[in-house]
Amino acid sequence: MRFLLLAAVLIVVAHAATIEGTVIDANTGAGIAEATVTIVRPNSTQRYQATSDSAGQFKLTVPDGAYRASASKDGYSAQIPDLAAALASAIQVTANQPARVQLKLTPHGDVAGRVLGPGARPIAGAEVVLVPDLMAEVATTDDEGRFSFSNVRPGPYRILARPPAAP
């Protein structure tokens, strides 16, 4: 009696490709350390991450293919790309053709000012808001009418002040 043993082995060889680059401050051009870089395949759940070094540089080894790259870090916002450019901006990499990318982040800022009434007198206790502000933060003016907001995302805002309630 003879037995025939058949074994099937599937070997998948994925060529390793490299995506490297720098995460920079959009205002100064300086590298941003400790930023999280995320590389994703469009229409897929494949995701690769790295952390930028002290000079803002990163390097990832991924299978050949097309990818999109983004960066994030507390205190910074990613620049919002033009939709058509974003859709056309896939990074194509192969083992023979690595990709180099530059990712820009814009630092958050501070907004400060004074609320003054008639005769340029400071208004203490006024409630001040930035519009639009997704966090719905409210600042209250001090005795000199001063207010401030910190860690504000870049963008256009209106500042609205409401006088304190009458005693």
Foldseek 3Di string as FASTA:
>chain_A
DDDDDDDDDDDDDFFKAKEKEFEAAPVPRFGDFQKKKWKAAPPDPDIDIDTAHPRRIDMDIDGFDWIAMAIDDQQWAFDDDDVVCRVVVIDGIHNVRHHYDYGYIHGFAKDKDFDADPPRAGAFQKWKDKPPDPVGDIWGAHNRRMTMDGSHYDDDIDMDIGGDDDD
